[in-house]
Protein backbone atom coordinates (compact mmCIF):
# COMPACT_ATOMS: atom_id res chain seq x y z
CA MET A 1 6.72 -95.28 -134.60
CA ASP A 2 6.68 -91.83 -133.00
CA HIS A 3 9.26 -89.40 -131.66
CA ARG A 4 8.68 -90.53 -128.08
CA ARG A 5 10.22 -93.89 -128.91
CA ASP A 6 13.25 -92.85 -130.96
CA GLY A 7 13.55 -89.05 -130.67
CA ILE A 8 12.91 -88.44 -134.40
CA LEU A 9 9.97 -86.20 -135.21
CA ARG A 10 8.10 -87.20 -138.37
CA LEU A 11 5.93 -85.08 -140.66
CA GLU A 12 2.86 -87.21 -139.96
CA GLU A 13 3.19 -86.35 -136.26
CA MET A 14 2.89 -82.65 -137.13
CA ARG A 15 -0.39 -82.77 -139.06
CA GLY A 16 -2.34 -79.59 -138.41
CA GLN A 17 0.83 -77.73 -137.35
CA LEU A 18 2.25 -77.24 -140.85
CA PRO A 19 1.53 -74.64 -143.52
CA ASP A 20 -0.54 -75.95 -146.42
CA PRO A 21 0.96 -76.19 -149.92
CA ALA A 22 -0.72 -72.96 -151.05
CA ARG A 23 0.87 -71.02 -148.16
CA LEU A 24 4.26 -72.62 -148.83
CA ALA A 25 4.06 -71.45 -152.43
CA ARG A 26 3.44 -67.81 -151.41
CA GLY A 27 6.75 -67.18 -149.66
CA PRO A 28 8.83 -67.86 -146.57
CA VAL A 29 6.96 -69.16 -143.55
CA VAL A 30 7.93 -70.50 -140.14
CA VAL A 31 7.69 -74.18 -139.25
CA VAL A 32 7.75 -74.77 -135.49
CA GLU A 33 8.67 -78.37 -134.69
CA CYS A 34 8.27 -78.06 -130.94
CA VAL A 35 6.31 -81.00 -129.56
CA GLU A 36 7.42 -81.05 -125.93
CA ASN A 37 5.19 -79.61 -123.25
CA ILE A 38 7.74 -77.61 -121.28
CA PRO A 39 7.64 -74.07 -119.85
CA CYS A 40 9.09 -72.11 -122.77
CA ASN A 41 7.94 -69.14 -124.84
CA PRO A 42 10.84 -67.10 -126.28
CA CYS A 43 9.48 -67.68 -129.81
CA VAL A 44 6.30 -65.83 -128.85
CA ALA A 45 8.25 -62.80 -127.61
CA ALA A 46 10.54 -62.86 -130.66
CA CYS A 47 7.71 -62.66 -133.18
CA ALA A 48 6.99 -58.97 -133.76
CA LYS A 49 4.02 -59.86 -135.99
CA GLY A 50 2.34 -61.99 -133.31
CA ALA A 51 2.21 -65.02 -135.62
CA ILE A 52 3.47 -67.40 -132.92
CA THR A 53 1.28 -67.85 -129.87
CA ILE A 54 0.88 -70.22 -126.96
CA GLU A 55 -2.73 -70.60 -125.91
CA GLY A 56 -3.37 -71.19 -122.25
CA ASP A 57 -0.56 -72.66 -120.19
CA ILE A 58 3.09 -71.77 -120.87
CA ASN A 59 3.72 -75.54 -121.00
CA ASP A 60 1.62 -75.88 -124.15
CA THR A 61 3.29 -76.06 -127.57
CA PRO A 62 3.34 -73.00 -129.84
CA SER A 63 0.84 -72.42 -132.64
CA VAL A 64 1.50 -70.43 -135.80
CA ASP A 65 -0.87 -68.21 -137.76
CA PHE A 66 0.64 -68.90 -141.18
CA GLU A 67 -1.30 -66.01 -142.74
CA VAL A 68 0.41 -63.53 -140.40
CA CYS A 69 3.95 -64.98 -140.58
CA ASP A 70 6.22 -63.28 -143.11
CA GLY A 71 9.20 -65.62 -142.62
CA CYS A 72 11.46 -62.97 -141.08
CA VAL A 73 13.61 -65.70 -139.33
CA VAL A 74 14.00 -63.81 -136.02
CA CYS A 75 12.23 -66.56 -134.07
CA ILE A 76 14.76 -69.19 -135.19
CA SER A 77 17.55 -67.91 -132.97
CA ALA A 78 15.18 -67.33 -130.03
CA CYS A 79 14.34 -71.01 -129.70
CA PRO A 80 16.56 -72.75 -127.12
CA GLY A 81 15.43 -76.14 -128.47
CA LEU A 82 16.57 -75.37 -132.05
CA SER A 83 13.06 -76.38 -133.17
CA ILE A 84 12.18 -73.53 -135.51
CA PHE A 85 12.85 -73.33 -139.25
CA VAL A 86 11.75 -71.04 -142.06
CA VAL A 87 10.85 -72.74 -145.32
CA ASP A 88 10.49 -70.96 -148.66
CA ALA A 89 9.12 -73.00 -151.56
CA SER A 90 7.96 -69.98 -153.58
CA GLY A 91 10.84 -69.38 -155.97
CA GLU A 92 11.22 -70.15 -159.63
CA GLY A 93 12.59 -73.51 -160.68
CA ASP A 94 12.70 -76.66 -158.61
CA THR A 95 14.54 -75.39 -155.53
CA GLY A 96 13.50 -73.83 -152.26
CA THR A 97 15.29 -72.72 -149.12
CA VAL A 98 15.42 -73.76 -145.50
CA SER A 99 16.69 -71.35 -142.85
CA LEU A 100 17.90 -73.06 -139.70
CA PRO A 101 19.85 -72.51 -136.49
CA TYR A 102 23.52 -73.41 -136.69
CA GLU A 103 25.61 -73.50 -133.52
CA PHE A 104 28.93 -74.79 -134.86
CA ARG A 105 32.18 -73.06 -135.79
CA PRO A 106 33.48 -72.15 -138.21
CA LEU A 107 30.37 -70.86 -139.93
CA PRO A 108 29.86 -71.88 -143.54
CA GLU A 109 30.25 -69.26 -146.25
CA VAL A 110 27.70 -68.08 -148.78
CA GLY A 111 28.11 -70.15 -151.93
CA GLU A 112 29.55 -73.14 -150.09
CA THR A 113 28.22 -76.57 -151.02
CA VAL A 114 27.12 -78.60 -148.00
CA THR A 115 25.36 -81.93 -147.48
CA ALA A 116 21.70 -81.48 -146.49
CA LEU A 117 20.43 -83.81 -143.75
CA ASP A 118 16.93 -84.91 -142.81
CA ARG A 119 15.56 -85.25 -139.26
CA GLU A 120 17.25 -88.63 -138.86
CA GLY A 121 20.64 -87.22 -139.88
CA SER A 122 20.61 -89.03 -143.22
CA ALA A 123 22.07 -87.27 -146.24
CA VAL A 124 19.46 -85.90 -148.61
CA GLY A 125 21.94 -84.48 -151.12
CA ASP A 126 23.95 -81.38 -151.88
CA ALA A 127 22.73 -77.96 -150.83
CA ARG A 128 24.12 -74.48 -151.39
CA VAL A 129 24.49 -71.90 -148.60
CA THR A 130 22.65 -68.75 -149.68
CA ARG A 131 22.75 -66.66 -146.48
CA VAL A 132 24.51 -66.61 -143.11
CA LEU A 133 23.22 -64.31 -140.38
CA SER A 134 25.23 -63.91 -137.20
CA SER A 135 24.97 -61.10 -134.68
CA LYS A 136 24.46 -60.41 -130.99
CA ALA A 137 20.86 -59.54 -131.84
CA LEU A 138 20.38 -63.19 -132.80
CA ASP A 139 21.38 -64.25 -129.28
CA ARG A 140 24.59 -65.81 -130.60
CA THR A 141 22.69 -68.43 -132.62
CA PRO A 142 23.57 -67.93 -136.27
CA ILE A 143 20.95 -68.62 -138.91
CA VAL A 144 22.05 -70.35 -142.10
CA THR A 145 19.87 -70.55 -145.19
CA ILE A 146 20.47 -73.37 -147.64
CA GLU A 147 19.01 -74.02 -151.06
CA VAL A 148 17.61 -77.52 -151.50
CA PRO A 149 15.29 -79.31 -153.93
CA ARG A 150 11.79 -77.89 -153.41
CA SER A 151 10.52 -81.41 -152.67
CA GLU A 152 12.87 -81.58 -149.66
CA THR A 153 12.10 -78.25 -147.97
CA MET A 154 9.86 -79.92 -145.39
CA ASN A 155 12.42 -82.69 -144.74
CA VAL A 156 15.83 -80.98 -144.56
CA ARG A 157 16.61 -79.83 -141.01
CA HIS A 158 20.39 -79.65 -140.80
CA PHE A 159 23.55 -79.95 -142.88
CA THR A 160 27.18 -80.95 -142.65
CA ARG A 161 30.06 -79.11 -144.20
CA LYS A 162 32.00 -81.07 -146.78
CA ASP A 163 35.39 -79.65 -145.87
CA ALA A 164 34.87 -78.88 -142.20
CA PRO A 165 37.60 -79.99 -139.82
CA ARG A 166 36.60 -83.15 -137.96
C-alpha cells in the first residue's frame, strides 16, 4: 500500500530521500517528507546553508544535501505542510531526538513526558520533551524536540500530551 491510497507515508516510499545510517550517526539532520508535487518552496528559502533545493520546476519535491545540512531546525517552521523533521541519532546511549512542528496550545514544557506517535498516529511509547522553540521568527509554528528510543527516530512524527485538556 502507498500513501496515495491511505494518506500514510511509509519509509519504503522515501528510499533515496533519507540520510544513510552513517550520516544519522554524525549529528542532527533534516528529513523532508514532502511527496506532493505542488508549487511550494519556503523550505528552500529558509535554509541558509543551501542544503534544501528544488531542481527544475517549483512543483517538484525538495531534495536535501545531507552533507551540507547541520540540523539547525529553521526549515521545520517554514514548511506549511508540516512535512519537515530533524532527526538526531548521534548521542550516547540508546536514545535520539526528533524535532517537529507543533501547532497546538498549550505548548508542552521541557522535561514533560509525552506519548510519541508514528506516522499512523499509533503510540510508540513515552518520550521526553527536551526543547521547545517558539518565536515570531519561526512564523508562529513552534518546534518541539522529543527524546525517543534511537530505533524510533525515523518513525516518530508527532506526540500527544498525557495531561493535556481534551
